[in-house]
């Protein structure tokens, strides 16, 4: 059984799926292959159920919940850190809120977090890896960065205006910021969905137990980052929380989506309280 895994071209996703896609764990009759796309494209393709397994923004999950279930493993959670609102000048969130802000996609969790923090703002969608270059060229004054840009922004002379993960952590008494999750397609049936979720969990565990080979594999998607930055970024988003959301992680997901409903960015008909986490 061939299972296509859609994931974003960044080191933490590659690190998670390293063992599954390279035959390093026993997955019985299930074989896996990568399909690399940016997270906003994955959000949109998931609306049509294109891949059996995919990474997805937590913000977008309600729109695709008719096709997919969230797995209880594979989460990308910001533990007091997360996407960062940056600028090419020393500024503040009040000026940012009155300006056009470059974002990596309307379906991203970074956008939902930004809206929760700043309210109704004007944005422009820009590919995630073009935001810092666009700010450098002066095309935008403010932008929200994700992936390894969360570590490399000082190298480009940028200013940190607001770390959205820290903002969320402080206002929720320490909850992690839900960013991405893994989903599995419902039409495969519960038995196969659970088996796939277990494969993902064991792949994450294998990578954490054998980090050197997994980090080397993951480095291919780091857009030229050095080994230390690659290691630091992966450790930010692949950790025990990635093996299991945990009760507070699941609470964070539900709260994030409820707050999204309150500002009209998440469908109010989605029943947050009835969400399943396959493998919980």
C-alpha atoms as a PDB file:
ATOM      1  CA  UNK A   1       0.000   0.000   0.000  1.00  0.00           C
ATOM      2  CA  UNK A   2       1.620   3.231  -1.175  1.00  0.00           C
ATOM      3  CA  UNK A   3       0.901   6.209   1.079  1.00  0.00           C
ATOM      4  CA  UNK A   4       1.806   9.685  -0.071  1.00  0.00           C
ATOM      5  CA  UNK A   5       2.939  12.086   2.646  1.00  0.00           C
ATOM      6  CA  UNK A   6       2.542  15.740   1.817  1.00  0.00           C
ATOM      7  CA  UNK A   7       4.850  17.872   3.903  1.00  0.00           C
ATOM      8  CA  UNK A   8       6.496  21.249   3.756  1.00  0.00           C
ATOM      9  CA  UNK A   9      10.104  21.547   2.568  1.00  0.00           C
ATOM     10  CA  UNK A  10      11.586  22.238   5.958  1.00  0.00           C
ATOM     11  CA  UNK A  11      13.925  20.293   8.250  1.00  0.00           C
ATOM     12  CA  UNK A  12      11.512  19.396  11.054  1.00  0.00           C
ATOM     13  CA  UNK A  13       9.003  17.626   8.779  1.00  0.00           C
ATOM     14  CA  UNK A  14      11.804  15.780   6.969  1.00  0.00           C
ATOM     15  CA  UNK A  15      13.303  14.760  10.321  1.00  0.00           C
ATOM     16  CA  UNK A  16       9.950  13.313  11.458  1.00  0.00           C
ATOM     17  CA  UNK A  17       9.362  11.274   8.314  1.00  0.00           C
ATOM     18  CA  UNK A  18      12.976  10.175   7.758  1.00  0.00           C
ATOM     19  CA  UNK A  19      12.578   6.653   9.149  1.00  0.00           C
ATOM     20  CA  UNK A  20       9.235   6.012   7.421  1.00  0.00           C
ATOM     21  CA  UNK A  21      10.331   7.061   3.962  1.00  0.00           C
ATOM     22  CA  UNK A  22      13.743   5.371   4.129  1.00  0.00           C
ATOM     23  CA  UNK A  23      12.599   1.955   5.348  1.00  0.00           C
ATOM     24  CA  UNK A  24      14.208   2.245   8.783  1.00  0.00           C
ATOM     25  CA  UNK A  25      11.164   1.012  10.695  1.00  0.00           C
ATOM     26  CA  UNK A  26       8.830  -1.884   9.959  1.00  0.00           C
ATOM     27  CA  UNK A  27       5.662  -0.477   8.395  1.00  0.00           C
ATOM     28  CA  UNK A  28       4.300  -3.881   7.319  1.00  0.00           C
ATOM     29  CA  UNK A  29       2.642  -3.554   3.894  1.00  0.00           C
ATOM     30  CA  UNK A  30       2.622   0.248   3.967  1.00  0.00           C
ATOM     31  CA  UNK A  31       5.257   2.173   2.008  1.00  0.00           C
ATOM     32  CA  UNK A  32       5.622   5.930   2.139  1.00  0.00           C
ATOM     33  CA  UNK A  33       6.886   8.599  -0.219  1.00  0.00           C
ATOM     34  CA  UNK A  34       7.429  12.345   0.171  1.00  0.00           C
ATOM     35  CA  UNK A  35       5.438  14.988  -1.687  1.00  0.00           C
ATOM     36  CA  UNK A  36       7.028  18.354  -0.869  1.00  0.00           C
ATOM     37  CA  UNK A  37       4.929  21.501  -1.069  1.00  0.00           C
ATOM     38  CA  UNK A  38       4.739  24.734   0.902  1.00  0.00           C
ATOM     39  CA  UNK A  39       2.320  24.648   3.822  1.00  0.00           C
ATOM     40  CA  UNK A  40      -0.314  26.888   2.237  1.00  0.00           C
ATOM     41  CA  UNK A  41      -0.433  24.646  -0.849  1.00  0.00           C
ATOM     42  CA  UNK A  42      -0.782  21.611   1.428  1.00  0.00           C
ATOM     43  CA  UNK A  43      -3.662  23.331   3.230  1.00  0.00           C
ATOM     44  CA  UNK A  44      -5.437  23.848  -0.075  1.00  0.00           C
ATOM     45  CA  UNK A  45      -4.747  20.382  -1.485  1.00  0.00           C
ATOM     46  CA  UNK A  46      -6.048  18.851   1.735  1.00  0.00           C
ATOM     47  CA  UNK A  47      -9.418  20.457   1.079  1.00  0.00           C
ATOM     48  CA  UNK A  48      -9.731  17.977  -1.798  1.00  0.00           C
ATOM     49  CA  UNK A  49      -8.270  15.000   0.092  1.00  0.00           C
ATOM     50  CA  UNK A  50      -5.368  14.723  -2.332  1.00  0.00           C
ATOM     51  CA  UNK A  51      -2.832  12.936  -0.092  1.00  0.00           C
ATOM     52  CA  UNK A  52      -3.395  10.057   2.288  1.00  0.00           C
ATOM     53  CA  UNK A  53      -1.245  11.792   4.921  1.00  0.00           C
ATOM     54  CA  UNK A  54      -0.273  15.426   5.094  1.00  0.00           C
ATOM     55  CA  UNK A  55       1.102  18.145   7.269  1.00  0.00           C
ATOM     56  CA  UNK A  56      -1.459  20.903   7.697  1.00  0.00           C
ATOM     57  CA  UNK A  57      -1.858  24.184   9.529  1.00  0.00           C
ATOM     58  CA  UNK A  58      -4.006  23.802  12.636  1.00  0.00           C
ATOM     59  CA  UNK A  59      -5.857  26.937  11.485  1.00  0.00           C
ATOM     60  CA  UNK A  60      -6.943  25.117   8.313  1.00  0.00           C
ATOM     61  CA  UNK A  61      -7.974  21.850   9.922  1.00  0.00           C
ATOM     62  CA  UNK A  62     -11.693  22.685  10.382  1.00  0.00           C
ATOM     63  CA  UNK A  63     -12.020  23.287   6.619  1.00  0.00           C
ATOM     64  CA  UNK A  64     -10.690  19.817   5.817  1.00  0.00           C
ATOM     65  CA  UNK A  65     -12.108  17.860   8.750  1.00  0.00           C
ATOM     66  CA  UNK A  66     -14.691  16.225   6.470  1.00  0.00           C
ATOM     67  CA  UNK A  67     -11.765  14.437   4.742  1.00  0.00           C
ATOM     68  CA  UNK A  68      -9.242  14.012   7.550  1.00  0.00           C
ATOM     69  CA  UNK A  69      -8.547  13.296  11.215  1.00  0.00           C
ATOM     70  CA  UNK A  70      -5.678  14.787  13.186  1.00  0.00           C
ATOM     71  CA  UNK A  71      -3.122  12.306  14.446  1.00  0.00           C
ATOM     72  CA  UNK A  72      -2.015  12.594  18.068  1.00  0.00           C
ATOM     73  CA  UNK A  73       1.602  12.751  16.915  1.00  0.00           C
ATOM     74  CA  UNK A  74       3.506  14.947  14.511  1.00  0.00           C
ATOM     75  CA  UNK A  75       2.522  18.281  16.035  1.00  0.00           C
ATOM     76  CA  UNK A  76       4.592  21.407  15.576  1.00  0.00           C
ATOM     77  CA  UNK A  77       4.008  23.435  18.733  1.00  0.00           C
ATOM     78  CA  UNK A  78       5.748  26.617  19.775  1.00  0.00           C
ATOM     79  CA  UNK A  79       6.796  26.320  23.412  1.00  0.00           C
ATOM     80  CA  UNK A  80       7.012  30.036  24.122  1.00  0.00           C
ATOM     81  CA  UNK A  81       8.273  30.741  20.592  1.00  0.00           C
ATOM     82  CA  UNK A  82       6.776  30.661  17.133  1.00  0.00           C
ATOM     83  CA  UNK A  83       6.300  32.699  13.966  1.00  0.00           C
ATOM     84  CA  UNK A  84       7.818  36.159  14.295  1.00  0.00           C
ATOM     85  CA  UNK A  85       6.557  39.505  13.079  1.00  0.00           C
ATOM     86  CA  UNK A  86       9.683  41.236  11.768  1.00  0.00           C
ATOM     87  CA  UNK A  87      10.526  44.547  10.143  1.00  0.00           C
ATOM     88  CA  UNK A  88      13.382  46.224   8.329  1.00  0.00           C
ATOM     89  CA  UNK A  89      13.273  49.006  10.915  1.00  0.00           C
ATOM     90  CA  UNK A  90      13.006  49.356  14.676  1.00  0.00           C
ATOM     91  CA  UNK A  91       9.249  49.663  15.132  1.00  0.00           C
ATOM     92  CA  UNK A  92       6.310  48.437  17.223  1.00  0.00           C
ATOM     93  CA  UNK A  93       3.090  46.448  16.884  1.00  0.00           C
ATOM     94  CA  UNK A  94       0.950  49.604  16.669  1.00  0.00           C
ATOM     95  CA  UNK A  95       2.743  50.760  13.539  1.00  0.00           C
ATOM     96  CA  UNK A  96       2.630  47.226  12.145  1.00  0.00           C
ATOM     97  CA  UNK A  97      -1.131  47.037  12.689  1.00  0.00           C
ATOM     98  CA  UNK A  98      -1.559  50.144  10.528  1.00  0.00           C
ATOM     99  CA  UNK A  99       0.653  48.812   7.727  1.00  0.00           C
ATOM    100  CA  UNK A 100       0.462  46.035   5.134  1.00  0.00           C
ATOM    101  CA  UNK A 101       1.999  42.844   6.562  1.00  0.00           C
ATOM    102  CA  UNK A 102       3.433  40.065   4.370  1.00  0.00           C
ATOM    103  CA  UNK A 103       2.164  36.657   5.491  1.00  0.00           C
ATOM    104  CA  UNK A 104       2.883  33.105   4.264  1.00  0.00           C
ATOM    105  CA  UNK A 105      -0.793  32.266   3.645  1.00  0.00           C
ATOM    106  CA  UNK A 106      -4.320  32.970   4.825  1.00  0.00           C
ATOM    107  CA  UNK A 107      -4.735  29.376   5.962  1.00  0.00           C
ATOM    108  CA  UNK A 108      -1.597  29.303   8.076  1.00  0.00           C
ATOM    109  CA  UNK A 109      -1.604  29.242  11.849  1.00  0.00           C
ATOM    110  CA  UNK A 110       0.836  32.150  11.705  1.00  0.00           C
ATOM    111  CA  UNK A 111      -1.905  34.282  10.133  1.00  0.00           C
ATOM    112  CA  UNK A 112      -4.498  33.267  12.718  1.00  0.00           C
ATOM    113  CA  UNK A 113      -2.075  34.024  15.557  1.00  0.00           C
ATOM    114  CA  UNK A 114      -1.256  37.387  13.987  1.00  0.00           C
ATOM    115  CA  UNK A 115      -4.952  38.280  13.729  1.00  0.00           C
ATOM    116  CA  UNK A 116      -5.567  37.246  17.333  1.00  0.00           C
ATOM    117  CA  UNK A 117      -2.691  39.465  18.420  1.00  0.00           C
ATOM    118  CA  UNK A 118      -3.213  42.535  16.214  1.00  0.00           C
ATOM    119  CA  UNK A 119      -6.873  42.422  15.236  1.00  0.00           C
ATOM    120  CA  UNK A 120      -8.219  43.330  11.791  1.00  0.00           C
ATOM    121  CA  UNK A 121      -5.160  44.120   9.670  1.00  0.00           C
ATOM    122  CA  UNK A 122      -4.206  44.447   6.020  1.00  0.00           C
ATOM    123  CA  UNK A 123      -2.037  41.649   4.653  1.00  0.00           C
ATOM    124  CA  UNK A 124      -0.467  40.435   1.439  1.00  0.00           C
ATOM    125  CA  UNK A 125       0.254  36.738   0.797  1.00  0.00           C
ATOM    126  CA  UNK A 126       3.880  36.053  -0.112  1.00  0.00           C
ATOM    127  CA  UNK A 127       5.680  32.682  -0.425  1.00  0.00           C
ATOM    128  CA  UNK A 128       7.293  32.014   2.958  1.00  0.00           C
ATOM    129  CA  UNK A 129      10.836  32.033   1.570  1.00  0.00           C
ATOM    130  CA  UNK A 130      10.295  35.367  -0.213  1.00  0.00           C
ATOM    131  CA  UNK A 131       9.192  37.353   2.833  1.00  0.00           C
ATOM    132  CA  UNK A 132      12.636  38.253   4.184  1.00  0.00           C
ATOM    133  CA  UNK A 133      14.036  39.071   0.697  1.00  0.00           C
ATOM    134  CA  UNK A 134      10.951  41.204   0.026  1.00  0.00           C
ATOM    135  CA  UNK A 135      11.454  43.121   3.266  1.00  0.00           C
ATOM    136  CA  UNK A 136      15.148  43.573   2.433  1.00  0.00           C
ATOM    137  CA  UNK A 137      14.213  45.059  -0.953  1.00  0.00           C
ATOM    138  CA  UNK A 138      11.752  47.411   0.712  1.00  0.00           C
ATOM    139  CA  UNK A 139       8.683  45.869  -0.944  1.00  0.00           C
ATOM    140  CA  UNK A 140       7.191  45.334   2.523  1.00  0.00           C
ATOM    141  CA  UNK A 141       8.058  46.892   5.851  1.00  0.00           C
ATOM    142  CA  UNK A 142       6.600  44.102   7.985  1.00  0.00           C
ATOM    143  CA  UNK A 143       6.288  40.345   7.527  1.00  0.00           C
ATOM    144  CA  UNK A 144       5.593  37.165   9.461  1.00  0.00           C
ATOM    145  CA  UNK A 145       8.296  34.534   9.133  1.00  0.00           C
ATOM    146  CA  UNK A 146       8.033  30.781   9.653  1.00  0.00           C
ATOM    147  CA  UNK A 147      10.355  27.757   9.294  1.00  0.00           C
ATOM    148  CA  UNK A 148      14.082  28.389   9.748  1.00  0.00           C
ATOM    149  CA  UNK A 149      13.553  32.130   9.265  1.00  0.00           C
ATOM    150  CA  UNK A 150      12.593  32.144  12.947  1.00  0.00           C
ATOM    151  CA  UNK A 151      16.297  31.618  13.674  1.00  0.00           C
ATOM    152  CA  UNK A 152      18.026  33.329  10.765  1.00  0.00           C
ATOM    153  CA  UNK A 153      16.237  36.717  10.707  1.00  0.00           C
ATOM    154  CA  UNK A 154      19.017  38.539  12.677  1.00  0.00           C
ATOM    155  CA  UNK A 155      21.477  37.611   9.913  1.00  0.00           C
ATOM    156  CA  UNK A 156      19.499  39.844   7.537  1.00  0.00           C
ATOM    157  CA  UNK A 157      19.437  42.904   9.761  1.00  0.00           C
ATOM    158  CA  UNK A 158      15.776  42.486  10.670  1.00  0.00           C
ATOM    159  CA  UNK A 159      14.023  43.656  13.849  1.00  0.00           C
ATOM    160  CA  UNK A 160      11.841  41.381  15.986  1.00  0.00           C
ATOM    161  CA  UNK A 161       8.544  43.207  16.499  1.00  0.00           C
ATOM    162  CA  UNK A 162       6.534  40.367  18.069  1.00  0.00           C
ATOM    163  CA  UNK A 163       7.182  36.683  18.682  1.00  0.00           C
ATOM    164  CA  UNK A 164       3.687  35.237  18.329  1.00  0.00           C
ATOM    165  CA  UNK A 165       4.585  32.074  20.239  1.00  0.00           C
ATOM    166  CA  UNK A 166       5.728  34.077  23.250  1.00  0.00           C
ATOM    167  CA  UNK A 167       2.666  36.324  22.994  1.00  0.00           C
ATOM    168  CA  UNK A 168       0.352  33.272  23.036  1.00  0.00           C
ATOM    169  CA  UNK A 169       2.301  31.604  25.867  1.00  0.00           C
ATOM    170  CA  UNK A 170       2.076  34.696  28.056  1.00  0.00           C
ATOM    171  CA  UNK A 171      -1.659  35.276  27.570  1.00  0.00           C
ATOM    172  CA  UNK A 172      -2.689  31.606  28.016  1.00  0.00           C
ATOM    173  CA  UNK A 173      -0.713  30.870  31.190  1.00  0.00           C
ATOM    174  CA  UNK A 174       1.846  28.772  29.384  1.00  0.00           C
ATOM    175  CA  UNK A 175       0.001  26.916  26.627  1.00  0.00           C
ATOM    176  CA  UNK A 176       2.046  26.031  23.539  1.00  0.00           C
ATOM    177  CA  UNK A 177       1.085  27.690  20.262  1.00  0.00           C
ATOM    178  CA  UNK A 178      -0.427  25.103  17.870  1.00  0.00           C
ATOM    179  CA  UNK A 179       1.097  25.582  14.433  1.00  0.00           C
ATOM    180  CA  UNK A 180       1.051  22.396  12.388  1.00  0.00           C
ATOM    181  CA  UNK A 181      -0.289  18.897  12.714  1.00  0.00           C
ATOM    182  CA  UNK A 182      -0.390  15.658  10.771  1.00  0.00           C
ATOM    183  CA  UNK A 183      -3.607  14.417   9.252  1.00  0.00           C
ATOM    184  CA  UNK A 184      -4.722  11.074   7.862  1.00  0.00           C
ATOM    185  CA  UNK A 185      -7.563  10.561   5.408  1.00  0.00           C
ATOM    186  CA  UNK A 186     -10.761   9.187   6.901  1.00  0.00           C
ATOM    187  CA  UNK A 187     -11.726   7.010   3.932  1.00  0.00           C
ATOM    188  CA  UNK A 188      -8.791   4.691   4.683  1.00  0.00           C
ATOM    189  CA  UNK A 189     -10.780   3.406   7.659  1.00  0.00           C
ATOM    190  CA  UNK A 190     -10.056   3.570  11.349  1.00  0.00           C
ATOM    191  CA  UNK A 191      -7.785   0.514  11.441  1.00  0.00           C
ATOM    192  CA  UNK A 192      -5.439   1.817   8.752  1.00  0.00           C
ATOM    193  CA  UNK A 193      -5.574   5.370  10.139  1.00  0.00           C
ATOM    194  CA  UNK A 194      -4.444   4.084  13.524  1.00  0.00           C
ATOM    195  CA  UNK A 195      -1.677   2.008  11.904  1.00  0.00           C
ATOM    196  CA  UNK A 196      -0.452   5.052   9.978  1.00  0.00           C
ATOM    197  CA  UNK A 197      -0.521   7.185  13.129  1.00  0.00           C
ATOM    198  CA  UNK A 198       1.557   4.524  14.877  1.00  0.00           C
ATOM    199  CA  UNK A 199       4.035   4.517  11.980  1.00  0.00           C
ATOM    200  CA  UNK A 200       4.390   8.296  12.280  1.00  0.00           C
ATOM    201  CA  UNK A 201       4.906   8.063  16.031  1.00  0.00           C
ATOM    202  CA  UNK A 202       7.558   5.354  15.686  1.00  0.00           C
ATOM    203  CA  UNK A 203       9.291   7.329  12.921  1.00  0.00           C
ATOM    204  CA  UNK A 204       9.506  10.356  15.219  1.00  0.00           C
ATOM    205  CA  UNK A 205      10.787   8.212  18.076  1.00  0.00           C
ATOM    206  CA  UNK A 206      13.419   6.637  15.791  1.00  0.00           C
ATOM    207  CA  UNK A 207      14.645  10.073  14.673  1.00  0.00           C
ATOM    208  CA  UNK A 208      14.873  11.339  18.240  1.00  0.00           C
ATOM    209  CA  UNK A 209      16.809   8.219  19.248  1.00  0.00           C
ATOM    210  CA  UNK A 210      19.073   8.370  16.160  1.00  0.00           C
ATOM    211  CA  UNK A 211      19.348  12.097  15.528  1.00  0.00           C
ATOM    212  CA  UNK A 212      22.567  12.274  13.522  1.00  0.00           C
ATOM    213  CA  UNK A 213      21.334  10.439  10.414  1.00  0.00           C
ATOM    214  CA  UNK A 214      17.907  12.067  10.645  1.00  0.00           C
ATOM    215  CA  UNK A 215      19.458  15.535  10.953  1.00  0.00           C
ATOM    216  CA  UNK A 216      21.692  14.870   7.964  1.00  0.00           C
ATOM    217  CA  UNK A 217      18.641  13.843   5.949  1.00  0.00           C
ATOM    218  CA  UNK A 218      16.648  16.859   7.175  1.00  0.00           C
ATOM    219  CA  UNK A 219      19.412  19.324   6.280  1.00  0.00           C
ATOM    220  CA  UNK A 220      18.528  18.974   2.587  1.00  0.00           C
ATOM    221  CA  UNK A 221      15.476  21.171   3.206  1.00  0.00           C
ATOM    222  CA  UNK A 222      17.138  23.853   5.304  1.00  0.00           C
ATOM    223  CA  UNK A 223      17.859  26.281   2.441  1.00  0.00           C
ATOM    224  CA  UNK A 224      21.558  26.446   3.182  1.00  0.00           C
ATOM    225  CA  UNK A 225      21.456  26.649   6.978  1.00  0.00           C
ATOM    226  CA  UNK A 226      24.469  25.333   8.869  1.00  0.00           C
ATOM    227  CA  UNK A 227      24.467  22.194  11.011  1.00  0.00           C
ATOM    228  CA  UNK A 228      24.019  24.022  14.309  1.00  0.00           C
ATOM    229  CA  UNK A 229      21.019  26.006  13.040  1.00  0.00           C
ATOM    230  CA  UNK A 230      19.541  22.861  11.513  1.00  0.00           C
ATOM    231  CA  UNK A 231      19.876  21.027  14.835  1.00  0.00           C
ATOM    232  CA  UNK A 232      18.453  23.922  16.835  1.00  0.00           C
ATOM    233  CA  UNK A 233      15.462  24.378  14.530  1.00  0.00           C
ATOM    234  CA  UNK A 234      14.597  20.676  14.501  1.00  0.00           C
ATOM    235  CA  UNK A 235      14.787  20.498  18.299  1.00  0.00           C
ATOM    236  CA  UNK A 236      12.396  23.450  18.529  1.00  0.00           C
ATOM    237  CA  UNK A 237       9.654  21.545  16.719  1.00  0.00           C
ATOM    238  CA  UNK A 238      10.448  17.838  17.120  1.00  0.00           C
ATOM    239  CA  UNK A 239      10.419  16.800  20.773  1.00  0.00           C
ATOM    240  CA  UNK A 240       8.293  14.760  23.215  1.00  0.00           C
ATOM    241  CA  UNK A 241       5.334  17.025  22.368  1.00  0.00           C
ATOM    242  CA  UNK A 242       5.631  15.815  18.774  1.00  0.00           C
ATOM    243  CA  UNK A 243       5.183  12.211  19.923  1.00  0.00           C
ATOM    244  CA  UNK A 244       2.047  13.115  21.882  1.00  0.00           C
ATOM    245  CA  UNK A 245       0.250  16.478  22.017  1.00  0.00           C
ATOM    246  CA  UNK A 246      -0.443  15.853  25.696  1.00  0.00           C
ATOM    247  CA  UNK A 247      -3.560  17.129  27.494  1.00  0.00           C
ATOM    248  CA  UNK A 248      -2.403  20.751  27.462  1.00  0.00           C
ATOM    249  CA  UNK A 249      -1.412  20.487  23.796  1.00  0.00           C
ATOM    250  CA  UNK A 250      -4.876  19.254  22.869  1.00  0.00           C
ATOM    251  CA  UNK A 251      -6.361  22.006  25.043  1.00  0.00           C
ATOM    252  CA  UNK A 252      -4.208  24.536  23.174  1.00  0.00           C
ATOM    253  CA  UNK A 253      -5.507  23.322  19.802  1.00  0.00           C
ATOM    254  CA  UNK A 254      -9.110  23.632  20.935  1.00  0.00           C
ATOM    255  CA  UNK A 255      -8.576  27.068  22.462  1.00  0.00           C
ATOM    256  CA  UNK A 256      -6.724  28.341  19.374  1.00  0.00           C
ATOM    257  CA  UNK A 257      -9.579  27.280  17.108  1.00  0.00           C
ATOM    258  CA  UNK A 258     -12.267  28.585  19.474  1.00  0.00           C
ATOM    259  CA  UNK A 259     -10.595  31.968  19.522  1.00  0.00           C
ATOM    260  CA  UNK A 260     -10.424  31.799  15.732  1.00  0.00           C
ATOM    261  CA  UNK A 261     -14.185  31.219  15.675  1.00  0.00           C
ATOM    262  CA  UNK A 262     -14.705  34.259  17.897  1.00  0.00           C
ATOM    263  CA  UNK A 263     -13.029  36.557  15.348  1.00  0.00           C
ATOM    264  CA  UNK A 264     -14.643  34.900  12.332  1.00  0.00           C
ATOM    265  CA  UNK A 265     -11.562  33.152  10.906  1.00  0.00           C
ATOM    266  CA  UNK A 266     -12.702  29.616  11.791  1.00  0.00           C
ATOM    267  CA  UNK A 267     -16.071  28.197  10.768  1.00  0.00           C
ATOM    268  CA  UNK A 268     -18.329  28.533  13.800  1.00  0.00           C
ATOM    269  CA  UNK A 269     -20.164  25.305  12.863  1.00  0.00           C
ATOM    270  CA  UNK A 270     -17.011  23.245  13.510  1.00  0.00           C
ATOM    271  CA  UNK A 271     -17.390  21.402  16.818  1.00  0.00           C
ATOM    272  CA  UNK A 272     -14.085  22.025  18.543  1.00  0.00           C
ATOM    273  CA  UNK A 273     -14.962  19.895  21.569  1.00  0.00           C
ATOM    274  CA  UNK A 274     -15.602  16.767  19.511  1.00  0.00           C
ATOM    275  CA  UNK A 275     -12.199  16.776  17.763  1.00  0.00           C
ATOM    276  CA  UNK A 276     -10.463  13.401  17.628  1.00  0.00           C
ATOM    277  CA  UNK A 277      -6.710  12.879  17.853  1.00  0.00           C
ATOM    278  CA  UNK A 278      -6.002   9.515  16.225  1.00  0.00           C
ATOM    279  CA  UNK A 279      -3.711   7.448  18.434  1.00  0.00           C
ATOM    280  CA  UNK A 280      -4.511   9.348  21.618  1.00  0.00           C
END
